[in-house]
Protein backbone atom coordinates (compact mmCIF):
# COMPACT_ATOMS: atom_id res chain seq x y z
CA MET A 1 7.10 -117.43 1.48
CA PRO A 2 8.07 -114.18 3.26
CA LYS A 3 10.61 -111.89 1.58
CA PRO A 4 12.75 -109.11 3.06
CA ASN A 5 11.07 -105.73 2.76
CA ILE A 6 12.86 -103.48 5.26
CA PHE A 7 16.55 -102.67 5.13
CA ILE A 8 17.76 -101.37 8.51
CA THR A 9 20.96 -99.36 8.77
CA TYR A 10 22.39 -98.65 12.22
CA VAL A 11 23.47 -95.04 12.70
CA ALA A 12 24.72 -92.91 15.59
CA ASP A 13 22.05 -90.22 15.12
CA ALA A 14 18.86 -91.12 13.24
CA PRO A 15 17.70 -87.53 12.54
CA ALA A 16 21.14 -86.55 11.21
CA ALA A 17 21.32 -89.72 9.10
CA ALA A 18 17.80 -89.07 7.79
CA GLU A 19 18.86 -85.58 6.72
CA PHE A 20 21.86 -87.09 4.86
CA TYR A 21 19.82 -89.78 3.07
CA GLY A 22 16.87 -87.47 2.43
CA ASP A 23 19.16 -84.95 0.75
CA LEU A 24 21.19 -87.58 -1.11
CA PHE A 25 18.14 -89.33 -2.59
CA ASP A 26 15.64 -86.43 -2.55
CA MET A 27 13.13 -88.26 -0.38
CA LYS A 28 11.20 -87.60 2.82
CA PRO A 29 10.64 -89.96 5.75
CA VAL A 30 7.29 -91.76 6.02
CA PHE A 31 7.76 -92.67 9.69
CA GLU A 32 9.78 -90.82 12.34
CA THR A 33 10.67 -91.31 15.97
CA PRO A 34 13.76 -89.84 17.66
CA ALA A 35 15.68 -93.10 17.14
CA TYR A 36 14.04 -94.78 14.12
CA ILE A 37 13.23 -93.15 10.78
CA ALA A 38 11.90 -94.94 7.69
CA PHE A 39 11.81 -94.02 4.00
CA ASP A 40 9.45 -95.65 1.49
CA LEU A 41 11.45 -96.97 -1.47
CA GLY A 42 8.35 -98.15 -3.36
CA GLY A 43 6.99 -101.60 -3.98
CA GLY A 44 6.54 -102.25 -0.26
CA ILE A 45 10.26 -101.83 0.43
CA SER A 46 11.64 -99.39 2.99
CA LEU A 47 14.99 -98.12 4.22
CA SER A 48 15.10 -97.54 7.97
CA LEU A 49 17.73 -95.71 10.00
CA TRP A 50 18.01 -96.86 13.61
CA SER A 51 20.11 -95.23 16.31
CA ARG A 52 19.78 -98.06 18.77
CA SER A 53 21.44 -97.68 22.16
CA GLY A 54 23.79 -100.52 22.96
CA VAL A 55 24.82 -101.12 19.34
CA ASP A 56 28.59 -100.79 18.98
CA LEU A 57 29.22 -98.15 16.32
CA ALA A 58 33.03 -98.39 16.48
CA SER A 59 34.82 -96.04 14.12
CA ASN A 60 36.27 -98.88 12.02
CA PRO A 61 33.73 -101.71 12.03
CA VAL A 62 33.91 -104.43 9.39
CA ARG A 63 31.32 -103.59 6.73
CA THR A 64 29.77 -106.68 5.19
CA SER A 65 26.93 -105.10 3.25
CA GLU A 66 26.18 -102.14 1.01
CA LEU A 67 23.14 -100.20 -0.02
CA CYS A 68 23.25 -100.30 -3.84
CA VAL A 69 21.78 -97.73 -6.19
CA ALA A 70 21.28 -99.09 -9.72
CA GLU A 71 21.74 -96.04 -11.95
CA PRO A 72 20.49 -96.01 -15.56
CA GLY A 73 22.38 -94.15 -18.26
CA GLY A 74 25.71 -95.94 -18.34
CA ALA A 75 29.17 -94.84 -17.29
CA GLY A 76 28.56 -91.15 -18.00
CA ALA A 77 25.56 -91.04 -15.68
CA ILE A 78 27.49 -92.83 -12.93
CA ASP A 79 30.43 -90.43 -13.26
CA ALA A 80 28.02 -87.46 -13.17
CA LEU A 81 26.35 -88.78 -10.00
CA HIS A 82 29.77 -89.27 -8.41
CA ASP A 83 30.68 -85.66 -9.21
CA ALA A 84 27.36 -84.38 -7.82
CA TRP A 85 27.73 -86.35 -4.57
CA LYS A 86 31.35 -85.29 -4.18
CA ALA A 87 30.29 -81.64 -4.64
CA LYS A 88 27.77 -82.17 -1.78
CA GLY A 89 30.63 -83.32 0.45
CA VAL A 90 29.73 -87.01 0.42
CA VAL A 91 32.72 -89.18 1.36
CA ILE A 92 33.84 -91.32 -1.59
CA VAL A 93 35.62 -94.47 -0.40
CA ASP A 94 36.15 -96.07 -3.83
CA PRO A 95 36.26 -93.70 -6.81
CA PRO A 96 34.62 -94.54 -10.14
CA ARG A 97 36.14 -97.50 -11.91
CA ASP A 98 35.13 -100.20 -14.34
CA GLU A 99 34.24 -103.64 -12.98
CA VAL A 100 32.97 -106.76 -14.74
CA PHE A 101 29.39 -105.48 -14.29
CA GLY A 102 30.19 -101.93 -15.45
CA ARG A 103 31.10 -98.52 -14.01
CA THR A 104 30.80 -98.23 -10.23
CA PHE A 105 31.84 -96.23 -7.18
CA VAL A 106 31.29 -96.47 -3.43
CA ALA A 107 30.39 -93.66 -1.03
CA ALA A 108 29.88 -93.71 2.74
CA ASP A 109 27.28 -92.12 4.96
CA PRO A 110 28.44 -90.21 8.08
CA ASP A 111 28.49 -93.50 10.05
CA GLY A 112 30.65 -95.27 7.46
CA ASN A 113 27.81 -97.36 5.98
CA LEU A 114 28.57 -98.08 2.33
CA ILE A 115 26.53 -96.93 -0.65
CA ARG A 116 27.49 -98.42 -4.02
CA VAL A 117 26.39 -96.93 -7.31
CA ALA A 118 26.38 -99.38 -10.21
CA PRO A 119 24.70 -99.65 -13.61
CA VAL A 120 21.24 -101.09 -14.05
CA ASP A 121 21.52 -104.77 -15.00
């Protein structure tokens, strides 16, 4: 049975978004065109940034998904990552707080796509 292996995020400017994600996660693209850039996440999984003409990138779209980073090290590690991202100028849309699954926060990329940081299960 096929399984999802590419996560595509629509962005206004793929090279600018790739710079943001590359810096945020200390990774380099494995495939690049002017409008589509992919990062290898390991295990046959990739994150792709696509600046597709004709896709409505309204300033306040409804966001129904998040990219989630499972961070080891507990609440202290999550708070430290929050502080590091905030120092880089990353927009924090939901500051660190405790949820039923543990400490978490949500950031946004320059296009408003959500990035949640949560503890490893």
